[in-house]
Amino acid sequence: MDGAKSHRARWLPKRGTSGFTLIETMVAFTILAFGLLAMLAMMTAALQGGQVGRHATDAARIARDQLEYFHRIGWTDGDLAPTGWTAPRVVTNDVQSVVIEQEMTYGLSWRIANDAGNPDLRLIDVVVTWQEGNDRLTAPIRRVAMSSVRYDSP
């Protein structure tokens, strides 16, 4: 009998020497849950940051396109006549998915001025504004401004 008992004891694990307790497993899952929640918060912040960056890039593109328009038109064109700041013109940014959705609305305004020292120069300033976020009352107004000089070459 002693031989059978020792043979059996060799193959059966001793209590408490293998496996995890319920408390150890719960602690591990709690640490995992906190890690996953932190990663979720980081992903949300990254998505919001990407959206803000995309809006700033679109605003810079709108401003650049307007400056390029002023450089393409003729010197005597009425659009290039000196003005004060124009009323903001609404420019929308559409995103195409299954349907076309309007993602952001931008305000585009510009000012064209003669250079006091040189009548062949026009100073052009373009500003694009938009509000980031859903609440238009508390969302900060963001701006992209670009300036250029147009020379009338004879």
N, C-alpha and C. Protein backbone atom coordinates (compact mmCIF):
# COMPACT_ATOMS: atom_id res chain seq x y z
N MET A 1 0.81 -1.18 0.00
CA MET A 1 0.00 0.00 0.00
C MET A 1 0.86 1.25 0.00
N ASP A 2 1.95 1.20 0.69
CA ASP A 2 2.81 2.38 0.72
C ASP A 2 3.36 2.69 -0.65
N GLY A 3 3.61 1.66 -1.45
CA GLY A 3 4.14 1.88 -2.79
C GLY A 3 3.10 2.56 -3.67
N ALA A 4 1.82 2.17 -3.53
CA ALA A 4 0.76 2.79 -4.34
C ALA A 4 0.53 4.22 -3.91
N LYS A 5 0.64 4.48 -2.63
CA LYS A 5 0.42 5.83 -2.12
C LYS A 5 1.52 6.76 -2.59
N SER A 6 2.75 6.33 -2.55
CA SER A 6 3.85 7.19 -2.96
C SER A 6 3.82 7.40 -4.48
N HIS A 7 3.39 6.37 -5.23
CA HIS A 7 3.29 6.51 -6.67
C HIS A 7 2.22 7.54 -7.03
N ARG A 8 1.10 7.54 -6.32
CA ARG A 8 0.03 8.47 -6.54
C ARG A 8 0.42 9.88 -6.13
N ALA A 9 1.12 10.03 -5.07
CA ALA A 9 1.53 11.34 -4.57
C ALA A 9 2.52 12.00 -5.54
N ARG A 10 3.26 11.21 -6.26
CA ARG A 10 4.22 11.76 -7.19
C ARG A 10 3.51 12.44 -8.37
N TRP A 11 2.38 11.95 -8.79
CA TRP A 11 1.69 12.49 -9.96
C TRP A 11 0.67 13.55 -9.63
N LEU A 12 0.16 13.62 -8.45
CA LEU A 12 -0.82 14.63 -8.09
C LEU A 12 -0.12 15.86 -7.52
N PRO A 13 -0.52 17.02 -7.97
CA PRO A 13 0.12 18.24 -7.44
C PRO A 13 -0.31 18.49 -6.01
N LYS A 14 0.57 19.15 -5.28
CA LYS A 14 0.25 19.51 -3.90
C LYS A 14 -0.67 20.72 -3.92
N ARG A 15 -1.53 20.82 -2.94
CA ARG A 15 -2.44 21.95 -2.86
C ARG A 15 -1.66 23.25 -2.66
N GLY A 16 -2.09 24.29 -3.44
CA GLY A 16 -1.50 25.61 -3.26
C GLY A 16 -0.21 25.84 -4.02
N THR A 17 0.28 24.87 -4.76
CA THR A 17 1.54 25.08 -5.47
C THR A 17 1.35 25.35 -6.95
N SER A 18 0.16 25.19 -7.52
CA SER A 18 -0.04 25.47 -8.94
C SER A 18 -1.37 26.18 -9.14
N GLY A 19 -1.48 26.94 -10.27
CA GLY A 19 -2.72 27.65 -10.58
C GLY A 19 -2.79 29.00 -9.89
N PHE A 20 -3.88 29.71 -10.14
CA PHE A 20 -4.09 31.03 -9.58
C PHE A 20 -5.30 31.01 -8.68
N THR A 21 -5.27 31.83 -7.67
CA THR A 21 -6.44 31.95 -6.80
C THR A 21 -7.42 32.92 -7.43
N LEU A 22 -8.62 32.94 -6.94
CA LEU A 22 -9.65 33.84 -7.44
C LEU A 22 -9.25 35.30 -7.23
N ILE A 23 -8.64 35.61 -6.14
CA ILE A 23 -8.22 36.99 -5.85
C ILE A 23 -7.14 37.44 -6.83
N GLU A 24 -6.17 36.57 -7.10
CA GLU A 24 -5.12 36.92 -8.07
C GLU A 24 -5.70 37.17 -9.46
N THR A 25 -6.67 36.35 -9.85
CA THR A 25 -7.32 36.52 -11.15
C THR A 25 -8.10 37.82 -11.20
N MET A 26 -8.81 38.16 -10.14
CA MET A 26 -9.57 39.41 -10.11
C MET A 26 -8.65 40.63 -10.15
N VAL A 27 -7.53 40.58 -9.46
CA VAL A 27 -6.57 41.68 -9.49
C VAL A 27 -6.01 41.84 -10.90
N ALA A 28 -5.70 40.74 -11.56
CA ALA A 28 -5.17 40.81 -12.93
C ALA A 28 -6.20 41.41 -13.88
N PHE A 29 -7.46 41.01 -13.75
CA PHE A 29 -8.50 41.57 -14.62
C PHE A 29 -8.74 43.05 -14.32
N THR A 30 -8.62 43.47 -13.08
CA THR A 30 -8.78 44.88 -12.73
C THR A 30 -7.68 45.72 -13.35
N ILE A 31 -6.45 45.24 -13.28
CA ILE A 31 -5.33 45.96 -13.92
C ILE A 31 -5.53 46.02 -15.43
N LEU A 32 -5.97 44.93 -16.03
CA LEU A 32 -6.25 44.91 -17.46
C LEU A 32 -7.35 45.90 -17.83
N ALA A 33 -8.40 45.97 -17.02
CA ALA A 33 -9.51 46.89 -17.29
C ALA A 33 -9.04 48.34 -17.25
N PHE A 34 -8.21 48.70 -16.25
CA PHE A 34 -7.69 50.07 -16.18
C PHE A 34 -6.80 50.37 -17.39
N GLY A 35 -6.02 49.43 -17.82
CA GLY A 35 -5.18 49.63 -19.00
C GLY A 35 -6.00 49.84 -20.26
N LEU A 36 -7.06 49.05 -20.42
CA LEU A 36 -7.92 49.20 -21.59
C LEU A 36 -8.68 50.53 -21.57
N LEU A 37 -9.11 50.97 -20.38
CA LEU A 37 -9.77 52.26 -20.28
C LEU A 37 -8.82 53.41 -20.62
N ALA A 38 -7.57 53.30 -20.20
CA ALA A 38 -6.58 54.33 -20.53
C ALA A 38 -6.33 54.36 -22.03
N MET A 39 -6.27 53.21 -22.67
CA MET A 39 -6.08 53.17 -24.12
C MET A 39 -7.29 53.75 -24.85
N LEU A 40 -8.49 53.51 -24.34
CA LEU A 40 -9.68 54.09 -24.94
C LEU A 40 -9.66 55.61 -24.85
N ALA A 41 -9.25 56.14 -23.70
CA ALA A 41 -9.15 57.60 -23.54
C ALA A 41 -8.10 58.17 -24.49
N MET A 42 -6.98 57.49 -24.67
CA MET A 42 -5.95 57.96 -25.60
C MET A 42 -6.45 57.93 -27.03
N MET A 43 -7.19 56.91 -27.41
CA MET A 43 -7.72 56.83 -28.77
C MET A 43 -8.73 57.94 -29.03
N THR A 44 -9.57 58.24 -28.05
CA THR A 44 -10.54 59.32 -28.19
C THR A 44 -9.83 60.66 -28.37
N ALA A 45 -8.82 60.91 -27.57
CA ALA A 45 -8.06 62.16 -27.69
C ALA A 45 -7.35 62.24 -29.04
N ALA A 46 -6.83 61.13 -29.53
CA ALA A 46 -6.15 61.12 -30.83
C ALA A 46 -7.14 61.40 -31.96
N LEU A 47 -8.34 60.85 -31.88
CA LEU A 47 -9.36 61.11 -32.90
C LEU A 47 -9.76 62.58 -32.91
N GLN A 48 -9.93 63.17 -31.73
CA GLN A 48 -10.29 64.59 -31.66
C GLN A 48 -9.15 65.46 -32.18
N GLY A 49 -7.93 65.11 -31.83
CA GLY A 49 -6.78 65.86 -32.34
C GLY A 49 -6.65 65.75 -33.84
N GLY A 50 -6.93 64.59 -34.39
CA GLY A 50 -6.90 64.42 -35.83
C GLY A 50 -7.96 65.26 -36.53
N GLN A 51 -9.13 65.36 -35.92
CA GLN A 51 -10.20 66.16 -36.49
C GLN A 51 -9.83 67.65 -36.47
N VAL A 52 -9.26 68.12 -35.38
CA VAL A 52 -8.83 69.52 -35.29
C VAL A 52 -7.76 69.80 -36.34
N GLY A 53 -6.82 68.89 -36.49
CA GLY A 53 -5.77 69.07 -37.49
C GLY A 53 -6.31 69.07 -38.90
N ARG A 54 -7.29 68.21 -39.17
CA ARG A 54 -7.90 68.18 -40.50
C ARG A 54 -8.62 69.49 -40.81
N HIS A 55 -9.31 70.04 -39.81
CA HIS A 55 -10.00 71.31 -40.01
C HIS A 55 -9.01 72.45 -40.25
N ALA A 56 -7.91 72.46 -39.53
CA ALA A 56 -6.89 73.50 -39.75
C ALA A 56 -6.27 73.36 -41.14
N THR A 57 -6.04 72.15 -41.59
CA THR A 57 -5.50 71.92 -42.92
C THR A 57 -6.48 72.38 -43.99
N ASP A 58 -7.76 72.07 -43.81
CA ASP A 58 -8.77 72.51 -44.77
C ASP A 58 -8.87 74.04 -44.80
N ALA A 59 -8.79 74.68 -43.64
CA ALA A 59 -8.84 76.14 -43.60
C ALA A 59 -7.63 76.75 -44.32
N ALA A 60 -6.47 76.17 -44.14
CA ALA A 60 -5.27 76.66 -44.83
C ALA A 60 -5.40 76.46 -46.34
N ARG A 61 -6.00 75.36 -46.76
CA ARG A 61 -6.22 75.12 -48.19
C ARG A 61 -7.18 76.16 -48.77
N ILE A 62 -8.25 76.47 -48.05
CA ILE A 62 -9.22 77.47 -48.51
C ILE A 62 -8.54 78.84 -48.65
N ALA A 63 -7.73 79.22 -47.65
CA ALA A 63 -7.02 80.50 -47.71
C ALA A 63 -6.03 80.52 -48.86
N ARG A 64 -5.29 79.45 -49.05
CA ARG A 64 -4.32 79.37 -50.15
C ARG A 64 -5.01 79.45 -51.51
N ASP A 65 -6.14 78.76 -51.65
CA ASP A 65 -6.89 78.81 -52.91
C ASP A 65 -7.35 80.23 -53.22
N GLN A 66 -7.78 80.96 -52.20
CA GLN A 66 -8.23 82.34 -52.42
C GLN A 66 -7.05 83.23 -52.83
N LEU A 67 -5.91 83.05 -52.18
CA LEU A 67 -4.72 83.82 -52.57
C LEU A 67 -4.30 83.49 -54.01
N GLU A 68 -4.35 82.23 -54.38
CA GLU A 68 -4.01 81.85 -55.74
C GLU A 68 -4.97 82.46 -56.75
N TYR A 69 -6.24 82.55 -56.38
CA TYR A 69 -7.21 83.20 -57.26
C TYR A 69 -6.82 84.67 -57.49
N PHE A 70 -6.44 85.36 -56.43
CA PHE A 70 -6.06 86.77 -56.57
C PHE A 70 -4.79 86.92 -57.41
N HIS A 71 -3.92 85.93 -57.40
CA HIS A 71 -2.71 86.00 -58.21
C HIS A 71 -2.97 85.64 -59.68
N ARG A 72 -4.04 84.90 -59.97
CA ARG A 72 -4.36 84.49 -61.34
C ARG A 72 -5.13 85.55 -62.12
N ILE A 73 -5.97 86.32 -61.43
CA ILE A 73 -6.83 87.26 -62.16
C ILE A 73 -6.02 88.46 -62.64
N GLY A 74 -6.59 89.19 -63.58
CA GLY A 74 -5.90 90.35 -64.13
C GLY A 74 -5.82 91.50 -63.13
N TRP A 75 -4.82 92.35 -63.34
CA TRP A 75 -4.57 93.47 -62.42
C TRP A 75 -5.75 94.42 -62.36
N THR A 76 -6.45 94.60 -63.48
CA THR A 76 -7.57 95.54 -63.52
C THR A 76 -8.91 94.89 -63.18
N ASP A 77 -8.91 93.62 -62.87
CA ASP A 77 -10.14 92.91 -62.49
C ASP A 77 -10.73 93.54 -61.24
N GLY A 78 -12.06 93.64 -61.21
CA GLY A 78 -12.73 94.26 -60.07
C GLY A 78 -12.52 93.52 -58.76
N ASP A 79 -12.28 92.20 -58.81
CA ASP A 79 -12.06 91.43 -57.58
C ASP A 79 -10.74 91.80 -56.92
N LEU A 80 -9.82 92.39 -57.67
CA LEU A 80 -8.51 92.76 -57.11
C LEU A 80 -8.46 94.23 -56.71
N ALA A 81 -9.59 94.91 -56.79
CA ALA A 81 -9.63 96.32 -56.38
C ALA A 81 -9.44 96.42 -54.87
N PRO A 82 -8.76 97.48 -54.42
CA PRO A 82 -8.56 97.65 -52.97
C PRO A 82 -9.89 97.73 -52.23
N THR A 83 -9.96 97.01 -51.11
CA THR A 83 -11.17 96.96 -50.28
C THR A 83 -10.77 96.94 -48.82
N GLY A 84 -11.75 97.18 -47.96
CA GLY A 84 -11.57 96.87 -46.55
C GLY A 84 -11.86 95.39 -46.37
N TRP A 85 -12.01 94.95 -45.14
CA TRP A 85 -12.32 93.54 -44.91
C TRP A 85 -13.69 93.22 -45.47
N THR A 86 -13.78 92.16 -46.24
CA THR A 86 -15.06 91.74 -46.80
C THR A 86 -15.86 91.00 -45.74
N ALA A 87 -17.17 90.93 -45.95
CA ALA A 87 -18.01 90.12 -45.06
C ALA A 87 -17.63 88.65 -45.28
N PRO A 88 -17.62 87.87 -44.23
CA PRO A 88 -17.23 86.45 -44.39
C PRO A 88 -18.14 85.73 -45.39
N ARG A 89 -17.52 85.04 -46.29
CA ARG A 89 -18.23 84.20 -47.26
C ARG A 89 -18.21 82.78 -46.71
N VAL A 90 -19.33 82.10 -46.74
CA VAL A 90 -19.44 80.76 -46.17
C VAL A 90 -18.86 79.75 -47.16
N VAL A 91 -17.95 78.91 -46.65
CA VAL A 91 -17.36 77.82 -47.42
C VAL A 91 -17.57 76.57 -46.60
N THR A 92 -18.14 75.54 -47.21
CA THR A 92 -18.38 74.29 -46.47
C THR A 92 -17.40 73.23 -46.93
N ASN A 93 -17.09 72.34 -46.02
CA ASN A 93 -16.24 71.19 -46.31
C ASN A 93 -17.13 69.97 -46.26
N ASP A 94 -17.29 69.31 -47.40
CA ASP A 94 -18.14 68.14 -47.48
C ASP A 94 -17.30 66.88 -47.43
N VAL A 95 -17.82 65.87 -46.73
CA VAL A 95 -17.16 64.58 -46.62
C VAL A 95 -18.06 63.56 -47.31
N GLN A 96 -17.48 62.75 -48.17
CA GLN A 96 -18.28 61.77 -48.88
C GLN A 96 -18.09 60.40 -48.25
N SER A 97 -19.18 59.85 -47.76
CA SER A 97 -19.19 58.47 -47.29
C SER A 97 -20.29 57.79 -48.11
N VAL A 98 -21.23 57.17 -47.49
CA VAL A 98 -22.35 56.61 -48.23
C VAL A 98 -23.17 57.76 -48.85
N VAL A 99 -23.33 58.82 -48.07
CA VAL A 99 -23.96 60.05 -48.56
C VAL A 99 -22.97 61.19 -48.32
N ILE A 100 -23.18 62.30 -48.98
CA ILE A 100 -22.30 63.45 -48.78
C ILE A 100 -22.80 64.22 -47.56
N GLU A 101 -21.91 64.40 -46.60
CA GLU A 101 -22.26 65.11 -45.37
C GLU A 101 -21.41 66.36 -45.25
N GLN A 102 -21.98 67.39 -44.65
CA GLN A 102 -21.24 68.62 -44.39
C GLN A 102 -20.54 68.47 -43.06
N GLU A 103 -19.21 68.54 -43.09
CA GLU A 103 -18.45 68.34 -41.86
C GLU A 103 -18.19 69.65 -41.13
N MET A 104 -17.82 70.69 -41.86
CA MET A 104 -17.45 71.94 -41.21
C MET A 104 -17.84 73.11 -42.10
N THR A 105 -18.18 74.22 -41.46
CA THR A 105 -18.47 75.46 -42.18
C THR A 105 -17.41 76.48 -41.80
N TYR A 106 -16.80 77.07 -42.82
CA TYR A 106 -15.74 78.05 -42.63
C TYR A 106 -16.23 79.42 -43.09
N GLY A 107 -15.68 80.46 -42.48
CA GLY A 107 -15.93 81.83 -42.92
C GLY A 107 -14.67 82.36 -43.59
N LEU A 108 -14.78 82.81 -44.84
CA LEU A 108 -13.65 83.30 -45.62
C LEU A 108 -13.81 84.79 -45.85
N SER A 109 -12.83 85.58 -45.43
CA SER A 109 -12.86 87.02 -45.70
C SER A 109 -11.46 87.48 -46.09
N TRP A 110 -11.40 88.61 -46.79
CA TRP A 110 -10.10 89.11 -47.26
C TRP A 110 -10.12 90.63 -47.31
N ARG A 111 -8.91 91.16 -47.41
CA ARG A 111 -8.70 92.61 -47.52
C ARG A 111 -7.61 92.82 -48.56
N ILE A 112 -7.82 93.78 -49.44
CA ILE A 112 -6.82 94.14 -50.44
C ILE A 112 -6.53 95.63 -50.27
N ALA A 113 -5.25 95.95 -50.18
CA ALA A 113 -4.86 97.35 -49.97
C ALA A 113 -3.73 97.72 -50.92
N ASN A 114 -3.73 98.99 -51.32
CA ASN A 114 -2.60 99.50 -52.10
C ASN A 114 -1.44 99.76 -51.16
N ASP A 115 -0.24 99.56 -51.68
CA ASP A 115 0.95 99.92 -50.92
C ASP A 115 1.14 101.42 -51.08
N ALA A 116 1.31 102.13 -49.98
CA ALA A 116 1.42 103.59 -50.03
C ALA A 116 2.65 104.05 -50.81
N GLY A 117 3.73 103.30 -50.75
CA GLY A 117 4.96 103.72 -51.41
C GLY A 117 5.08 103.29 -52.86
N ASN A 118 4.31 102.29 -53.28
CA ASN A 118 4.44 101.76 -54.64
C ASN A 118 3.05 101.45 -55.19
N PRO A 119 2.58 102.19 -56.19
CA PRO A 119 1.23 101.94 -56.73
C PRO A 119 1.12 100.63 -57.50
N ASP A 120 2.24 99.99 -57.81
CA ASP A 120 2.21 98.71 -58.52
C ASP A 120 2.13 97.51 -57.58
N LEU A 121 1.96 97.76 -56.29
CA LEU A 121 1.86 96.67 -55.31
C LEU A 121 0.47 96.67 -54.67
N ARG A 122 -0.05 95.49 -54.45
CA ARG A 122 -1.28 95.31 -53.68
C ARG A 122 -0.99 94.31 -52.57
N LEU A 123 -1.39 94.67 -51.37
CA LEU A 123 -1.21 93.80 -50.20
C LEU A 123 -2.52 93.02 -49.99
N ILE A 124 -2.42 91.72 -49.94
CA ILE A 124 -3.61 90.86 -49.84
C ILE A 124 -3.54 90.06 -48.54
N ASP A 125 -4.59 90.15 -47.75
CA ASP A 125 -4.72 89.39 -46.50
C ASP A 125 -5.98 88.54 -46.59
N VAL A 126 -5.86 87.27 -46.23
CA VAL A 126 -7.00 86.34 -46.25
C VAL A 126 -7.09 85.69 -44.88
N VAL A 127 -8.31 85.62 -44.33
CA VAL A 127 -8.54 84.99 -43.03
C VAL A 127 -9.68 83.99 -43.17
N VAL A 128 -9.46 82.79 -42.64
CA VAL A 128 -10.49 81.75 -42.59
C VAL A 128 -10.76 81.45 -41.12
N THR A 129 -12.03 81.48 -40.74
CA THR A 129 -12.41 81.22 -39.35
C THR A 129 -13.39 80.04 -39.30
N TRP A 130 -13.39 79.35 -38.17
CA TRP A 130 -14.34 78.27 -37.93
C TRP A 130 -14.41 78.02 -36.44
N GLN A 131 -15.45 77.32 -36.02
CA GLN A 131 -15.61 76.95 -34.61
C GLN A 131 -15.51 75.46 -34.48
N GLU A 132 -14.62 75.03 -33.61
CA GLU A 132 -14.40 73.60 -33.36
C GLU A 132 -15.36 73.15 -32.28
N GLY A 133 -16.02 72.05 -32.49
CA GLY A 133 -16.92 71.50 -31.47
C GLY A 133 -18.37 71.68 -31.86
N ASN A 134 -19.24 71.04 -31.12
CA ASN A 134 -20.67 71.05 -31.42
C ASN A 134 -21.40 72.25 -30.83
N ASP A 135 -20.91 72.76 -29.72
CA ASP A 135 -21.59 73.86 -29.05
C ASP A 135 -21.06 75.18 -29.60
N ARG A 136 -21.83 75.84 -30.44
CA ARG A 136 -21.38 77.07 -31.10
C ARG A 136 -21.30 78.26 -30.13
N LEU A 137 -21.92 78.16 -28.97
CA LEU A 137 -21.87 79.26 -28.01
C LEU A 137 -20.56 79.29 -27.22
N THR A 138 -20.03 78.12 -26.90
CA THR A 138 -18.83 78.07 -26.06
C THR A 138 -17.59 77.60 -26.81
N ALA A 139 -17.76 77.12 -28.05
CA ALA A 139 -16.61 76.61 -28.80
C ALA A 139 -15.70 77.77 -29.20
N PRO A 140 -14.40 77.60 -29.09
CA PRO A 140 -13.49 78.69 -29.46
C PRO A 140 -13.48 78.91 -30.98
N ILE A 141 -13.32 80.17 -31.37
CA ILE A 141 -13.20 80.50 -32.79
C ILE A 141 -11.74 80.33 -33.17
N ARG A 142 -11.49 79.55 -34.19
CA ARG A 142 -10.14 79.31 -34.67
C ARG A 142 -9.95 80.06 -35.98
N ARG A 143 -8.67 80.46 -36.24
CA ARG A 143 -8.38 81.26 -37.42
C ARG A 143 -7.11 80.77 -38.11
N VAL A 144 -7.13 80.89 -39.43
CA VAL A 144 -5.92 80.73 -40.24
C VAL A 144 -5.83 81.98 -41.08
N ALA A 145 -4.69 82.65 -41.06
CA ALA A 145 -4.49 83.88 -41.82
C ALA A 145 -3.28 83.73 -42.73
N MET A 146 -3.43 84.24 -43.94
CA MET A 146 -2.31 84.24 -44.91
C MET A 146 -2.27 85.61 -45.57
N SER A 147 -1.06 86.03 -45.90
CA SER A 147 -0.86 87.32 -46.56
C SER A 147 0.04 87.12 -47.77
N SER A 148 -0.15 88.02 -48.74
CA SER A 148 0.67 87.97 -49.94
C SER A 148 0.76 89.37 -50.53
N VAL A 149 1.67 89.53 -51.47
CA VAL A 149 1.85 90.79 -52.18
C VAL A 149 1.71 90.49 -53.66
N ARG A 150 0.93 91.31 -54.36
CA ARG A 150 0.77 91.15 -55.81
C ARG A 150 1.41 92.35 -56.48
N TYR A 151 2.25 92.07 -57.45
CA TYR A 151 2.97 93.11 -58.18
C TYR A 151 2.45 93.17 -59.60
N ASP A 152 2.16 94.38 -60.08
CA ASP A 152 1.71 94.59 -61.46
C ASP A 152 2.93 94.78 -62.33
N SER A 153 3.31 93.72 -63.02
CA SER A 153 4.48 93.82 -63.88
C SER A 153 4.05 94.30 -65.26
N PRO A 154 4.71 95.35 -65.79
CA PRO A 154 4.32 95.89 -67.10
C PRO A 154 4.65 94.95 -68.24
